[in-house]
Amino acid sequence: MAVTLLNPDGLIESPAYRQVAVASGSRLVFIAGQVAWDAEGKTVGAGDLAAQVEQCYRNVATALAGGPGPRSRT
């Protein structure tokens, strides 16, 4: 099984890991744990839990949009 590692635009690049891993064959997509950082690595919503959660969800959406192929809700 081949694995493609991605750092989608809009998420911080880390030398230690990739934000998204897509496994071929079984078509699994793994997303790294997301925190309240913007694409430049700056904290979003310091002291504001709701703003931090919103940024985390934005990062998850960005990570999913950076992966290949159509999306399924099954």
Foldseek 3Di string as FASTA:
>chain_A
DDKDFAAFPWAADDPVGGQWIFDPPVGDIDGPQFWQATNPRDHFPVVHVVRGVVSRVVVVVRRVVRDDDDDDPD
